[in-house]
Amino acid sequence: MSRRIAIEPLTAEAFAPFGDVIEATGAPDRIINRGLCGRWHDRARLDFGPEGRAGISLFRAEPRTLPLTLEMVERHPLGSQAFVPMTADPFLVIVAPDEGGRPGRPQAFRTAPGQAVNYLRGTWHGVLAPLAPPGLFAVIDRIGPGENLEEHWFHHPYVVG
């Protein structure tokens, strides 16, 4: 089996098993503020569990270069996690299906300007990987009790790109 993973453009259809692509596509769901603002309503399935609450944090990650060596993925069993870039620069989104409690073969996507992602609860995903500086993101995720991080290190790394 090849350990090389090609990068695909990020689309809502391809990403649906892992979460939501957050973007303003099509006509707005609502026009608000006396006709001066379009609202694309409820674009992500946020999930913080019965004991969690929503928190907004800021992350600044070092830009990555391609090809990227993928050694580890992680998941959050207690809540979803959304990454909203604070610039129009692309970032790399890596996800993997769950196969009996372990990640299956990863998939990689490159975002387009104006796209953000929301990983569903329990989705295996790579770490934040901006492709340009400054790598600044607003992250909406679960704040609350319990262990909400599980990591999986691959015995043989993948090469993305």
N, C-alpha and C. Protein backbone atom coordinates (compact mmCIF):
# COMPACT_ATOMS: atom_id res chain seq x y z
N MET A 1 0.84 -1.17 0.00
CA MET A 1 0.00 0.00 0.00
C MET A 1 0.88 1.24 0.00
N SER A 2 0.55 2.17 -0.88
CA SER A 2 1.31 3.42 -0.95
C SER A 2 1.09 4.26 0.30
N ARG A 3 2.14 4.89 0.78
CA ARG A 3 2.05 5.76 1.94
C ARG A 3 1.94 7.22 1.52
N ARG A 4 1.76 7.47 0.21
CA ARG A 4 1.63 8.84 -0.30
C ARG A 4 0.15 9.18 -0.41
N ILE A 5 -0.19 10.38 0.05
CA ILE A 5 -1.57 10.85 0.02
C ILE A 5 -1.64 12.10 -0.83
N ALA A 6 -2.49 12.08 -1.86
CA ALA A 6 -2.69 13.26 -2.70
C ALA A 6 -3.60 14.25 -1.97
N ILE A 7 -3.43 15.52 -2.29
CA ILE A 7 -4.26 16.57 -1.69
C ILE A 7 -5.37 16.92 -2.67
N GLU A 8 -6.61 16.89 -2.20
CA GLU A 8 -7.77 17.24 -3.01
C GLU A 8 -8.31 18.60 -2.59
N PRO A 9 -9.04 19.27 -3.48
CA PRO A 9 -9.73 20.49 -3.05
C PRO A 9 -10.79 20.13 -2.01
N LEU A 10 -11.01 21.00 -1.05
CA LEU A 10 -11.99 20.76 -0.01
C LEU A 10 -13.39 21.05 -0.54
N THR A 11 -14.27 20.04 -0.51
CA THR A 11 -15.67 20.22 -0.88
C THR A 11 -16.55 19.68 0.23
N ALA A 12 -17.74 20.23 0.35
CA ALA A 12 -18.67 19.78 1.39
C ALA A 12 -19.01 18.31 1.22
N GLU A 13 -19.16 17.86 -0.01
CA GLU A 13 -19.54 16.46 -0.26
C GLU A 13 -18.43 15.50 0.17
N ALA A 14 -17.20 15.79 -0.21
CA ALA A 14 -16.08 14.90 0.13
C ALA A 14 -15.79 14.89 1.63
N PHE A 15 -16.04 16.01 2.29
CA PHE A 15 -15.72 16.15 3.71
C PHE A 15 -16.86 15.70 4.63
N ALA A 16 -18.06 15.50 4.10
CA ALA A 16 -19.25 15.21 4.90
C ALA A 16 -19.09 14.08 5.92
N PRO A 17 -18.38 12.98 5.63
CA PRO A 17 -18.26 11.93 6.65
C PRO A 17 -17.48 12.37 7.89
N PHE A 18 -16.71 13.44 7.77
CA PHE A 18 -15.82 13.87 8.85
C PHE A 18 -16.31 15.13 9.57
N GLY A 19 -17.17 15.90 8.90
CA GLY A 19 -17.63 17.14 9.50
C GLY A 19 -18.23 18.07 8.48
N ASP A 20 -18.12 19.36 8.77
CA ASP A 20 -18.76 20.38 7.96
C ASP A 20 -17.73 21.32 7.34
N VAL A 21 -17.95 21.68 6.08
CA VAL A 21 -17.20 22.78 5.47
C VAL A 21 -18.03 24.03 5.73
N ILE A 22 -17.43 24.99 6.37
CA ILE A 22 -18.13 26.22 6.72
C ILE A 22 -17.74 27.27 5.69
N GLU A 23 -18.72 27.69 4.87
CA GLU A 23 -18.44 28.66 3.83
C GLU A 23 -19.74 29.32 3.40
N ALA A 24 -19.63 30.46 2.80
CA ALA A 24 -20.79 31.21 2.33
C ALA A 24 -20.99 30.90 0.85
N THR A 25 -21.69 29.82 0.56
CA THR A 25 -21.96 29.44 -0.83
C THR A 25 -23.44 29.59 -1.11
N GLY A 26 -23.76 29.85 -2.36
CA GLY A 26 -25.16 30.04 -2.72
C GLY A 26 -25.70 31.33 -2.13
N ALA A 27 -27.00 31.49 -2.22
CA ALA A 27 -27.64 32.69 -1.68
C ALA A 27 -27.72 32.59 -0.16
N PRO A 28 -27.67 33.70 0.54
CA PRO A 28 -27.80 33.65 2.00
C PRO A 28 -29.16 33.07 2.40
N ASP A 29 -29.20 32.46 3.57
CA ASP A 29 -30.45 31.92 4.09
C ASP A 29 -31.39 33.03 4.54
N ARG A 30 -30.79 34.11 5.00
CA ARG A 30 -31.57 35.24 5.50
C ARG A 30 -30.86 36.55 5.15
N ILE A 31 -31.65 37.58 4.94
CA ILE A 31 -31.12 38.93 4.78
C ILE A 31 -31.50 39.69 6.05
N ILE A 32 -30.49 40.26 6.71
CA ILE A 32 -30.73 40.92 8.00
C ILE A 32 -30.16 42.35 7.98
N ASN A 33 -30.28 43.02 9.09
CA ASN A 33 -29.73 44.38 9.25
C ASN A 33 -30.24 45.33 8.16
N ARG A 34 -31.57 45.31 8.00
CA ARG A 34 -32.23 46.21 7.05
C ARG A 34 -31.72 46.03 5.62
N GLY A 35 -31.44 44.77 5.27
CA GLY A 35 -31.02 44.45 3.92
C GLY A 35 -29.55 44.62 3.62
N LEU A 36 -28.76 44.93 4.65
CA LEU A 36 -27.34 45.20 4.44
C LEU A 36 -26.43 44.01 4.71
N CYS A 37 -26.99 42.88 5.13
CA CYS A 37 -26.16 41.75 5.53
C CYS A 37 -26.85 40.43 5.18
N GLY A 38 -26.10 39.54 4.53
CA GLY A 38 -26.60 38.20 4.28
C GLY A 38 -26.13 37.26 5.38
N ARG A 39 -27.00 36.37 5.83
CA ARG A 39 -26.66 35.41 6.88
C ARG A 39 -26.79 34.00 6.32
N TRP A 40 -25.68 33.26 6.34
CA TRP A 40 -25.69 31.84 6.02
C TRP A 40 -25.82 31.15 7.37
N HIS A 41 -26.99 30.65 7.65
CA HIS A 41 -27.40 30.25 9.00
C HIS A 41 -27.00 28.81 9.35
N ASP A 42 -26.52 28.62 10.56
CA ASP A 42 -26.30 27.31 11.18
C ASP A 42 -25.48 26.38 10.27
N ARG A 43 -24.25 26.76 9.97
CA ARG A 43 -23.42 26.05 9.00
C ARG A 43 -22.60 24.90 9.55
N ALA A 44 -22.63 24.65 10.88
CA ALA A 44 -21.81 23.57 11.44
C ALA A 44 -22.57 22.87 12.56
N ARG A 45 -22.35 21.55 12.63
CA ARG A 45 -22.98 20.73 13.67
C ARG A 45 -22.08 20.73 14.92
N LEU A 46 -22.13 21.82 15.66
CA LEU A 46 -21.31 21.94 16.87
C LEU A 46 -21.88 21.01 17.94
N ASP A 47 -20.99 20.34 18.68
CA ASP A 47 -21.40 19.34 19.66
C ASP A 47 -20.43 19.41 20.83
N PHE A 48 -20.92 19.80 21.99
CA PHE A 48 -20.06 19.94 23.16
C PHE A 48 -20.42 18.97 24.27
N GLY A 49 -21.31 18.02 23.99
CA GLY A 49 -21.68 17.01 24.97
C GLY A 49 -22.47 17.60 26.13
N PRO A 50 -22.99 16.73 26.98
CA PRO A 50 -23.85 17.20 28.07
C PRO A 50 -23.12 17.99 29.16
N GLU A 51 -21.81 17.80 29.31
CA GLU A 51 -21.08 18.48 30.37
C GLU A 51 -20.14 19.56 29.85
N GLY A 52 -20.18 19.83 28.55
CA GLY A 52 -19.28 20.82 27.99
C GLY A 52 -20.00 22.09 27.60
N ARG A 53 -19.21 23.08 27.25
CA ARG A 53 -19.74 24.33 26.73
C ARG A 53 -18.85 24.78 25.58
N ALA A 54 -19.34 25.69 24.77
CA ALA A 54 -18.56 26.22 23.66
C ALA A 54 -17.52 27.19 24.18
N GLY A 55 -16.33 27.09 23.64
CA GLY A 55 -15.27 28.04 23.91
C GLY A 55 -14.66 28.49 22.61
N ILE A 56 -14.20 29.74 22.57
CA ILE A 56 -13.49 30.25 21.39
C ILE A 56 -12.07 30.57 21.84
N SER A 57 -11.11 29.93 21.20
CA SER A 57 -9.69 30.16 21.47
C SER A 57 -9.04 30.63 20.19
N LEU A 58 -7.87 31.24 20.30
CA LEU A 58 -7.09 31.61 19.14
C LEU A 58 -5.85 30.73 19.10
N PHE A 59 -5.54 30.20 17.92
CA PHE A 59 -4.35 29.37 17.71
C PHE A 59 -3.48 30.07 16.68
N ARG A 60 -2.17 30.05 16.89
CA ARG A 60 -1.22 30.50 15.86
C ARG A 60 -0.27 29.33 15.62
N ALA A 61 -0.34 28.76 14.43
CA ALA A 61 0.46 27.59 14.09
C ALA A 61 1.52 27.96 13.05
N GLU A 62 2.66 27.33 13.15
CA GLU A 62 3.73 27.54 12.17
C GLU A 62 3.29 27.00 10.81
N PRO A 63 3.56 27.75 9.73
CA PRO A 63 3.22 27.24 8.40
C PRO A 63 3.97 25.95 8.10
N ARG A 64 3.33 25.08 7.36
CA ARG A 64 3.92 23.80 6.95
C ARG A 64 4.30 23.86 5.49
N THR A 65 5.27 23.06 5.14
CA THR A 65 5.68 22.95 3.75
C THR A 65 5.31 21.57 3.23
N LEU A 66 5.11 21.51 1.93
CA LEU A 66 4.77 20.24 1.29
C LEU A 66 5.98 19.72 0.54
N PRO A 67 6.16 18.43 0.46
CA PRO A 67 5.31 17.41 1.08
C PRO A 67 5.46 17.41 2.60
N LEU A 68 4.39 17.00 3.26
CA LEU A 68 4.32 16.96 4.72
C LEU A 68 4.38 15.51 5.18
N THR A 69 5.14 15.25 6.21
CA THR A 69 5.20 13.90 6.78
C THR A 69 4.13 13.81 7.87
N LEU A 70 3.20 12.90 7.69
CA LEU A 70 2.10 12.70 8.64
C LEU A 70 2.43 11.53 9.54
N GLU A 71 2.78 11.85 10.78
CA GLU A 71 3.16 10.82 11.75
C GLU A 71 2.05 10.52 12.76
N MET A 72 1.13 11.48 12.94
CA MET A 72 0.14 11.35 14.00
C MET A 72 -1.16 12.02 13.60
N VAL A 73 -2.26 11.44 14.06
CA VAL A 73 -3.57 12.08 14.00
C VAL A 73 -4.16 12.04 15.41
N GLU A 74 -5.16 12.89 15.61
CA GLU A 74 -5.81 12.96 16.92
C GLU A 74 -7.31 13.04 16.74
N ARG A 75 -8.03 12.83 17.85
CA ARG A 75 -9.47 13.04 17.82
C ARG A 75 -9.93 13.50 19.20
N HIS A 76 -11.15 14.03 19.21
CA HIS A 76 -11.72 14.58 20.43
C HIS A 76 -13.04 13.86 20.70
N PRO A 77 -13.04 12.88 21.60
CA PRO A 77 -14.23 12.05 21.81
C PRO A 77 -15.39 12.75 22.50
N LEU A 78 -15.16 13.90 23.11
CA LEU A 78 -16.22 14.56 23.87
C LEU A 78 -16.85 15.76 23.18
N GLY A 79 -16.33 16.16 22.01
CA GLY A 79 -16.92 17.31 21.35
C GLY A 79 -16.32 17.59 19.99
N SER A 80 -17.04 18.40 19.24
CA SER A 80 -16.59 18.83 17.91
C SER A 80 -15.52 19.90 18.05
N GLN A 81 -14.88 20.21 16.92
CA GLN A 81 -13.83 21.23 16.92
C GLN A 81 -13.84 21.93 15.56
N ALA A 82 -14.06 23.25 15.58
CA ALA A 82 -14.11 24.03 14.34
C ALA A 82 -12.89 24.93 14.24
N PHE A 83 -12.31 25.00 13.04
CA PHE A 83 -11.15 25.85 12.75
C PHE A 83 -11.57 26.89 11.72
N VAL A 84 -11.50 28.16 12.11
CA VAL A 84 -11.88 29.26 11.25
C VAL A 84 -10.65 30.14 11.04
N PRO A 85 -10.07 30.12 9.82
CA PRO A 85 -8.87 30.93 9.58
C PRO A 85 -9.20 32.41 9.68
N MET A 86 -8.25 33.17 10.19
CA MET A 86 -8.43 34.62 10.32
C MET A 86 -7.76 35.37 9.18
N THR A 87 -7.34 34.63 8.14
CA THR A 87 -6.83 35.20 6.90
C THR A 87 -7.44 34.39 5.75
N ALA A 88 -7.22 34.82 4.53
CA ALA A 88 -7.74 34.10 3.36
C ALA A 88 -6.78 33.04 2.85
N ASP A 89 -5.71 32.77 3.59
CA ASP A 89 -4.71 31.80 3.14
C ASP A 89 -5.21 30.36 3.29
N PRO A 90 -4.75 29.47 2.40
CA PRO A 90 -5.18 28.08 2.49
C PRO A 90 -4.54 27.36 3.67
N PHE A 91 -5.19 26.29 4.09
CA PHE A 91 -4.59 25.39 5.06
C PHE A 91 -4.91 23.96 4.67
N LEU A 92 -4.14 23.05 5.20
CA LEU A 92 -4.26 21.64 4.89
C LEU A 92 -5.17 20.99 5.92
N VAL A 93 -6.13 20.21 5.45
CA VAL A 93 -7.06 19.49 6.30
C VAL A 93 -6.84 18.00 6.07
N ILE A 94 -6.46 17.29 7.12
CA ILE A 94 -6.21 15.85 7.01
C ILE A 94 -7.18 15.14 7.95
N VAL A 95 -7.89 14.16 7.43
CA VAL A 95 -8.86 13.39 8.21
C VAL A 95 -8.70 11.91 7.88
N ALA A 96 -9.22 11.06 8.76
CA ALA A 96 -9.18 9.62 8.52
C ALA A 96 -10.45 9.00 9.08
N PRO A 97 -11.00 8.01 8.40
CA PRO A 97 -12.17 7.32 8.94
C PRO A 97 -11.77 6.49 10.16
N ASP A 98 -12.72 6.28 11.04
CA ASP A 98 -12.48 5.41 12.18
C ASP A 98 -12.70 3.97 11.74
N GLU A 99 -11.74 3.11 12.06
CA GLU A 99 -11.84 1.69 11.74
C GLU A 99 -11.60 0.91 13.02
N GLY A 100 -12.68 0.69 13.77
CA GLY A 100 -12.58 -0.09 14.99
C GLY A 100 -11.78 0.59 16.09
N GLY A 101 -11.90 1.91 16.19
CA GLY A 101 -11.18 2.65 17.22
C GLY A 101 -9.80 3.14 16.82
N ARG A 102 -9.42 2.88 15.58
CA ARG A 102 -8.12 3.33 15.07
C ARG A 102 -8.38 4.06 13.75
N PRO A 103 -7.48 4.97 13.37
CA PRO A 103 -7.70 5.66 12.10
C PRO A 103 -7.42 4.75 10.90
N GLY A 104 -8.28 4.89 9.88
CA GLY A 104 -8.03 4.23 8.60
C GLY A 104 -7.10 5.09 7.76
N ARG A 105 -7.09 4.84 6.46
CA ARG A 105 -6.21 5.59 5.56
C ARG A 105 -6.61 7.06 5.52
N PRO A 106 -5.69 7.97 5.80
CA PRO A 106 -6.01 9.40 5.81
C PRO A 106 -6.33 9.94 4.42
N GLN A 107 -7.07 11.04 4.41
CA GLN A 107 -7.36 11.83 3.22
C GLN A 107 -6.90 13.25 3.51
N ALA A 108 -6.49 13.97 2.46
CA ALA A 108 -6.00 15.33 2.63
C ALA A 108 -6.75 16.27 1.69
N PHE A 109 -7.07 17.46 2.21
CA PHE A 109 -7.78 18.48 1.46
C PHE A 109 -7.07 19.82 1.64
N ARG A 110 -7.12 20.65 0.61
CA ARG A 110 -6.62 22.02 0.68
C ARG A 110 -7.83 22.94 0.65
N THR A 111 -7.89 23.88 1.60
CA THR A 111 -9.00 24.82 1.63
C THR A 111 -8.82 25.90 0.57
N ALA A 112 -9.92 26.49 0.21
CA ALA A 112 -9.94 27.67 -0.65
C ALA A 112 -10.21 28.89 0.24
N PRO A 113 -9.92 30.10 -0.24
CA PRO A 113 -10.24 31.28 0.56
C PRO A 113 -11.70 31.28 0.98
N GLY A 114 -11.96 31.62 2.23
CA GLY A 114 -13.32 31.68 2.74
C GLY A 114 -13.85 30.37 3.29
N GLN A 115 -13.04 29.32 3.35
CA GLN A 115 -13.50 28.04 3.89
C GLN A 115 -12.93 27.81 5.28
N ALA A 116 -13.76 27.22 6.13
CA ALA A 116 -13.37 26.77 7.46
C ALA A 116 -13.90 25.36 7.60
N VAL A 117 -13.48 24.65 8.65
CA VAL A 117 -13.96 23.28 8.85
C VAL A 117 -14.41 23.07 10.29
N ASN A 118 -15.36 22.16 10.45
CA ASN A 118 -15.79 21.69 11.75
C ASN A 118 -15.66 20.17 11.75
N TYR A 119 -14.78 19.65 12.62
CA TYR A 119 -14.63 18.20 12.76
C TYR A 119 -15.71 17.70 13.71
N LEU A 120 -16.43 16.68 13.31
CA LEU A 120 -17.42 16.08 14.18
C LEU A 120 -16.75 15.41 15.37
N ARG A 121 -17.48 15.24 16.45
CA ARG A 121 -16.98 14.56 17.63
C ARG A 121 -16.41 13.20 17.22
N GLY A 122 -15.19 12.89 17.69
CA GLY A 122 -14.57 11.59 17.43
C GLY A 122 -13.90 11.44 16.08
N THR A 123 -13.81 12.48 15.27
CA THR A 123 -13.19 12.39 13.94
C THR A 123 -11.67 12.45 14.06
N TRP A 124 -11.00 11.46 13.49
CA TRP A 124 -9.54 11.48 13.42
C TRP A 124 -9.12 12.59 12.48
N HIS A 125 -8.16 13.43 12.90
CA HIS A 125 -7.70 14.52 12.04
C HIS A 125 -6.24 14.86 12.35
N GLY A 126 -5.60 15.45 11.36
CA GLY A 126 -4.23 15.92 11.54
C GLY A 126 -4.22 17.20 12.37
N VAL A 127 -3.03 17.60 12.78
CA VAL A 127 -2.89 18.84 13.54
C VAL A 127 -3.06 20.03 12.59
N LEU A 128 -3.26 21.19 13.16
CA LEU A 128 -3.45 22.41 12.39
C LEU A 128 -2.24 22.63 11.48
N ALA A 129 -2.51 22.80 10.18
CA ALA A 129 -1.43 22.87 9.19
C ALA A 129 -1.67 24.02 8.21
N PRO A 130 -1.41 25.26 8.63
CA PRO A 130 -1.51 26.37 7.67
C PRO A 130 -0.43 26.25 6.61
N LEU A 131 -0.70 26.76 5.43
CA LEU A 131 0.28 26.71 4.34
C LEU A 131 0.94 28.06 4.10
N ALA A 132 0.58 29.07 4.90
CA ALA A 132 1.17 30.40 4.79
C ALA A 132 1.09 31.08 6.16
N PRO A 133 2.03 32.00 6.43
CA PRO A 133 1.93 32.74 7.69
C PRO A 133 0.76 33.73 7.61
N PRO A 134 0.18 34.15 8.70
CA PRO A 134 0.63 33.94 10.07
C PRO A 134 0.08 32.69 10.72
N GLY A 135 -0.81 31.94 10.07
CA GLY A 135 -1.35 30.72 10.67
C GLY A 135 -2.25 30.98 11.86
N LEU A 136 -3.03 32.06 11.78
CA LEU A 136 -3.89 32.46 12.90
C LEU A 136 -5.32 31.98 12.67
N PHE A 137 -5.88 31.29 13.67
CA PHE A 137 -7.20 30.69 13.57
C PHE A 137 -8.02 30.95 14.82
N ALA A 138 -9.32 31.14 14.64
CA ALA A 138 -10.26 31.06 15.75
C ALA A 138 -10.70 29.60 15.81
N VAL A 139 -10.68 29.03 17.00
CA VAL A 139 -11.06 27.63 17.18
C VAL A 139 -12.22 27.57 18.17
N ILE A 140 -13.31 26.96 17.72
CA ILE A 140 -14.49 26.80 18.56
C ILE A 140 -14.55 25.33 18.95
N ASP A 141 -14.37 25.07 20.24
CA ASP A 141 -14.41 23.67 20.69
C ASP A 141 -14.92 23.57 22.11
N ARG A 142 -14.91 22.35 22.61
CA ARG A 142 -15.49 22.02 23.91
C ARG A 142 -14.57 22.43 25.04
N ILE A 143 -15.17 23.09 26.02
CA ILE A 143 -14.51 23.40 27.28
C ILE A 143 -15.30 22.65 28.35
N GLY A 144 -14.63 21.84 29.14
CA GLY A 144 -15.35 21.12 30.18
C GLY A 144 -14.53 19.97 30.72
N PRO A 145 -15.11 19.23 31.66
CA PRO A 145 -14.40 18.13 32.31
C PRO A 145 -14.21 16.94 31.38
N GLY A 146 -13.26 16.09 31.74
CA GLY A 146 -13.03 14.85 31.00
C GLY A 146 -11.85 14.97 30.04
N GLU A 147 -11.34 13.82 29.64
CA GLU A 147 -10.21 13.76 28.71
C GLU A 147 -10.75 13.81 27.29
N ASN A 148 -10.45 14.90 26.57
CA ASN A 148 -11.02 15.11 25.24
C ASN A 148 -9.96 15.08 24.15
N LEU A 149 -8.89 14.33 24.35
CA LEU A 149 -7.85 14.20 23.33
C LEU A 149 -7.34 12.78 23.30
N GLU A 150 -7.34 12.21 22.12
CA GLU A 150 -6.76 10.88 21.89
C GLU A 150 -5.84 11.01 20.68
N GLU A 151 -4.61 10.56 20.80
CA GLU A 151 -3.65 10.60 19.70
C GLU A 151 -3.36 9.20 19.19
N HIS A 152 -3.08 9.11 17.89
CA HIS A 152 -2.63 7.85 17.28
C HIS A 152 -1.38 8.15 16.46
N TRP A 153 -0.28 7.49 16.80
CA TRP A 153 0.98 7.63 16.07
C TRP A 153 1.09 6.46 15.09
N PHE A 154 1.33 6.77 13.82
CA PHE A 154 1.47 5.73 12.81
C PHE A 154 2.83 5.05 12.93
N HIS A 155 2.84 3.73 12.77
CA HIS A 155 4.13 3.00 12.78
C HIS A 155 4.97 3.39 11.57
N HIS A 156 4.28 3.64 10.44
CA HIS A 156 4.94 4.08 9.22
C HIS A 156 4.26 5.36 8.77
N PRO A 157 4.95 6.50 8.80
CA PRO A 157 4.34 7.78 8.43
C PRO A 157 3.84 7.79 6.99
N TYR A 158 2.89 8.67 6.74
CA TYR A 158 2.40 8.95 5.40
C TYR A 158 3.09 10.20 4.88
N VAL A 159 3.14 10.35 3.57
CA VAL A 159 3.65 11.56 2.93
C VAL A 159 2.48 12.22 2.23
N VAL A 160 2.19 13.46 2.58
CA VAL A 160 1.06 14.20 2.03
C VAL A 160 1.58 15.24 1.06
N GLY A 161 1.03 15.18 -0.16
CA GLY A 161 1.40 16.20 -1.14
C GLY A 161 2.09 15.71 -2.33
